[in-house]
Amino acid sequence: MTTPTLCPACGARNDCTLADPRTADRACWCYSVTIDPKVLEALPMELRNKACLCPRCAQVDAQLRGAEPQ
């Protein structure tokens, strides 16, 4: 079973604002980044579309820091 506030890949907090009722009215961090489709495709089917990845597993740390993606 997946938990909406945890990354389905590693189990760490995913910081999804939509999963937290206190911040559900705010845009999630993932709206401001581009996640490589290959990252999502690498997830097993049973983990897809259940919960947000964390920034590390989504491989977008550099984008969130304002750096150019590598």
N, C-alpha and C. Protein backbone atom coordinates (compact mmCIF):
# COMPACT_ATOMS: atom_id res chain seq x y z
N MET A 1 0.84 -1.19 0.00
CA MET A 1 0.00 0.00 0.00
C MET A 1 0.88 1.25 0.00
N THR A 2 0.56 2.21 -0.83
CA THR A 2 1.33 3.45 -0.88
C THR A 2 0.68 4.50 0.00
N THR A 3 1.50 5.39 0.51
CA THR A 3 1.04 6.51 1.33
C THR A 3 1.24 7.78 0.51
N PRO A 4 0.22 8.62 0.35
CA PRO A 4 0.32 9.80 -0.52
C PRO A 4 1.45 10.77 -0.16
N THR A 5 1.88 10.78 1.10
CA THR A 5 2.92 11.73 1.51
C THR A 5 4.32 11.15 1.41
N LEU A 6 4.44 9.88 0.97
CA LEU A 6 5.75 9.25 0.87
C LEU A 6 6.06 8.86 -0.57
N CYS A 7 7.33 8.98 -0.92
CA CYS A 7 7.80 8.62 -2.26
C CYS A 7 7.63 7.11 -2.46
N PRO A 8 6.98 6.70 -3.54
CA PRO A 8 6.79 5.27 -3.77
C PRO A 8 8.09 4.55 -4.12
N ALA A 9 9.12 5.28 -4.52
CA ALA A 9 10.38 4.65 -4.91
C ALA A 9 11.30 4.39 -3.71
N CYS A 10 11.39 5.37 -2.79
CA CYS A 10 12.34 5.23 -1.68
C CYS A 10 11.71 5.27 -0.29
N GLY A 11 10.47 5.73 -0.20
CA GLY A 11 9.79 5.79 1.08
C GLY A 11 10.02 7.06 1.87
N ALA A 12 10.82 7.99 1.34
CA ALA A 12 11.06 9.27 2.02
C ALA A 12 9.85 10.19 1.81
N ARG A 13 9.79 11.24 2.62
CA ARG A 13 8.72 12.24 2.42
C ARG A 13 8.86 12.84 1.03
N ASN A 14 7.74 12.99 0.34
CA ASN A 14 7.79 13.52 -1.02
C ASN A 14 7.50 15.01 -1.09
N ASP A 15 7.13 15.61 0.04
CA ASP A 15 6.83 17.05 0.12
C ASP A 15 5.72 17.48 -0.83
N CYS A 16 4.80 16.57 -1.13
CA CYS A 16 3.67 16.89 -2.01
C CYS A 16 2.66 17.75 -1.25
N THR A 17 2.45 18.98 -1.71
CA THR A 17 1.50 19.85 -1.03
C THR A 17 0.06 19.36 -1.22
N LEU A 18 -0.20 18.69 -2.32
CA LEU A 18 -1.56 18.21 -2.58
C LEU A 18 -1.94 17.05 -1.68
N ALA A 19 -0.97 16.31 -1.17
CA ALA A 19 -1.24 15.17 -0.31
C ALA A 19 -1.48 15.58 1.14
N ASP A 20 -1.13 16.81 1.48
CA ASP A 20 -1.29 17.31 2.85
C ASP A 20 -2.51 18.22 2.89
N PRO A 21 -3.54 17.87 3.64
CA PRO A 21 -4.75 18.70 3.69
C PRO A 21 -4.48 20.14 4.09
N ARG A 22 -3.42 20.37 4.86
CA ARG A 22 -3.11 21.75 5.30
C ARG A 22 -2.58 22.61 4.16
N THR A 23 -2.03 21.99 3.11
CA THR A 23 -1.44 22.75 2.00
C THR A 23 -2.03 22.36 0.65
N ALA A 24 -3.12 21.63 0.66
CA ALA A 24 -3.70 21.10 -0.59
C ALA A 24 -4.15 22.19 -1.56
N ASP A 25 -4.28 23.42 -1.08
CA ASP A 25 -4.70 24.51 -1.96
C ASP A 25 -3.51 25.17 -2.67
N ARG A 26 -2.30 24.70 -2.42
CA ARG A 26 -1.09 25.26 -3.04
C ARG A 26 -0.58 24.33 -4.14
N ALA A 27 0.10 24.91 -5.10
CA ALA A 27 0.70 24.11 -6.17
C ALA A 27 1.86 23.30 -5.60
N CYS A 28 2.01 22.10 -6.07
CA CYS A 28 3.09 21.22 -5.64
C CYS A 28 4.41 21.64 -6.30
N TRP A 29 5.52 21.29 -5.66
CA TRP A 29 6.85 21.60 -6.22
C TRP A 29 7.01 21.00 -7.61
N CYS A 30 6.33 19.87 -7.86
CA CYS A 30 6.51 19.19 -9.14
C CYS A 30 5.94 19.98 -10.31
N TYR A 31 5.08 20.96 -10.03
CA TYR A 31 4.52 21.78 -11.11
C TYR A 31 5.56 22.70 -11.73
N SER A 32 6.66 22.95 -11.00
CA SER A 32 7.67 23.90 -11.48
C SER A 32 8.91 23.22 -12.08
N VAL A 33 8.86 21.91 -12.27
CA VAL A 33 10.00 21.18 -12.81
C VAL A 33 9.57 20.29 -13.97
N THR A 34 10.55 19.78 -14.68
CA THR A 34 10.30 18.82 -15.75
C THR A 34 10.91 17.50 -15.33
N ILE A 35 10.06 16.49 -15.18
CA ILE A 35 10.52 15.16 -14.81
C ILE A 35 10.67 14.33 -16.08
N ASP A 36 11.84 13.76 -16.24
CA ASP A 36 12.12 12.93 -17.41
C ASP A 36 11.15 11.75 -17.43
N PRO A 37 10.42 11.56 -18.51
CA PRO A 37 9.49 10.43 -18.60
C PRO A 37 10.15 9.08 -18.32
N LYS A 38 11.45 8.96 -18.61
CA LYS A 38 12.15 7.70 -18.36
C LYS A 38 12.20 7.38 -16.86
N VAL A 39 12.25 8.43 -16.02
CA VAL A 39 12.25 8.22 -14.57
C VAL A 39 10.92 7.58 -14.16
N LEU A 40 9.84 8.10 -14.68
CA LEU A 40 8.52 7.56 -14.35
C LEU A 40 8.33 6.16 -14.92
N GLU A 41 8.82 5.95 -16.12
CA GLU A 41 8.69 4.63 -16.76
C GLU A 41 9.49 3.56 -16.03
N ALA A 42 10.52 3.98 -15.29
CA ALA A 42 11.35 3.02 -14.55
C ALA A 42 10.64 2.48 -13.30
N LEU A 43 9.59 3.17 -12.87
CA LEU A 43 8.83 2.69 -11.72
C LEU A 43 8.03 1.45 -12.09
N PRO A 44 7.94 0.49 -11.19
CA PRO A 44 7.07 -0.65 -11.46
C PRO A 44 5.62 -0.17 -11.64
N MET A 45 4.88 -0.83 -12.50
CA MET A 45 3.50 -0.42 -12.80
C MET A 45 2.66 -0.24 -11.53
N GLU A 46 2.85 -1.10 -10.54
CA GLU A 46 2.02 -1.03 -9.34
C GLU A 46 2.31 0.20 -8.47
N LEU A 47 3.40 0.91 -8.75
CA LEU A 47 3.73 2.11 -7.99
C LEU A 47 3.40 3.40 -8.74
N ARG A 48 3.07 3.30 -9.99
CA ARG A 48 2.79 4.49 -10.79
C ARG A 48 1.43 5.09 -10.45
N ASN A 49 1.38 6.42 -10.49
CA ASN A 49 0.13 7.17 -10.29
C ASN A 49 -0.51 6.93 -8.94
N LYS A 50 0.31 6.60 -7.93
CA LYS A 50 -0.21 6.38 -6.58
C LYS A 50 0.18 7.51 -5.64
N ALA A 51 1.41 8.01 -5.80
CA ALA A 51 1.93 9.08 -4.96
C ALA A 51 3.07 9.75 -5.71
N CYS A 52 3.38 10.99 -5.32
CA CYS A 52 4.48 11.73 -5.95
C CYS A 52 5.82 11.14 -5.55
N LEU A 53 6.75 11.20 -6.46
CA LEU A 53 8.14 10.90 -6.13
C LEU A 53 8.69 12.03 -5.28
N CYS A 54 9.75 11.77 -4.54
CA CYS A 54 10.45 12.85 -3.86
C CYS A 54 11.35 13.53 -4.90
N PRO A 55 11.80 14.76 -4.65
CA PRO A 55 12.66 15.44 -5.62
C PRO A 55 13.91 14.65 -6.00
N ARG A 56 14.49 13.92 -5.04
CA ARG A 56 15.71 13.14 -5.34
C ARG A 56 15.40 12.03 -6.33
N CYS A 57 14.35 11.26 -6.08
CA CYS A 57 14.01 10.16 -6.98
C CYS A 57 13.50 10.67 -8.33
N ALA A 58 12.88 11.85 -8.32
CA ALA A 58 12.42 12.45 -9.57
C ALA A 58 13.58 13.05 -10.35
N GLN A 59 14.75 13.11 -9.71
CA GLN A 59 15.98 13.64 -10.31
C GLN A 59 15.83 15.09 -10.74
N VAL A 60 15.23 15.91 -9.86
CA VAL A 60 15.01 17.32 -10.17
C VAL A 60 15.62 18.26 -9.13
N ASP A 61 16.50 17.75 -8.28
CA ASP A 61 17.11 18.61 -7.25
C ASP A 61 17.73 19.86 -7.85
N ALA A 62 18.45 19.71 -8.95
CA ALA A 62 19.12 20.86 -9.57
C ALA A 62 18.10 21.88 -10.05
N GLN A 63 17.00 21.41 -10.62
CA GLN A 63 15.96 22.33 -11.08
C GLN A 63 15.35 23.10 -9.92
N LEU A 64 15.14 22.45 -8.81
CA LEU A 64 14.54 23.10 -7.66
C LEU A 64 15.49 24.11 -7.03
N ARG A 65 16.78 23.91 -7.18
CA ARG A 65 17.77 24.86 -6.68
C ARG A 65 17.97 26.01 -7.65
N GLY A 66 17.35 25.96 -8.80
CA GLY A 66 17.50 27.03 -9.79
C GLY A 66 18.62 26.81 -10.77
N ALA A 67 19.30 25.67 -10.68
CA ALA A 67 20.38 25.36 -11.61
C ALA A 67 19.81 24.77 -12.89
N GLU A 68 20.60 24.81 -13.91
CA GLU A 68 20.19 24.19 -15.16
C GLU A 68 20.18 22.68 -15.00
N PRO A 69 19.17 21.99 -15.53
CA PRO A 69 19.18 20.52 -15.46
C PRO A 69 20.35 19.96 -16.24
N GLN A 70 20.89 18.85 -15.74
CA GLN A 70 22.05 18.25 -16.40
C GLN A 70 21.63 17.18 -17.33
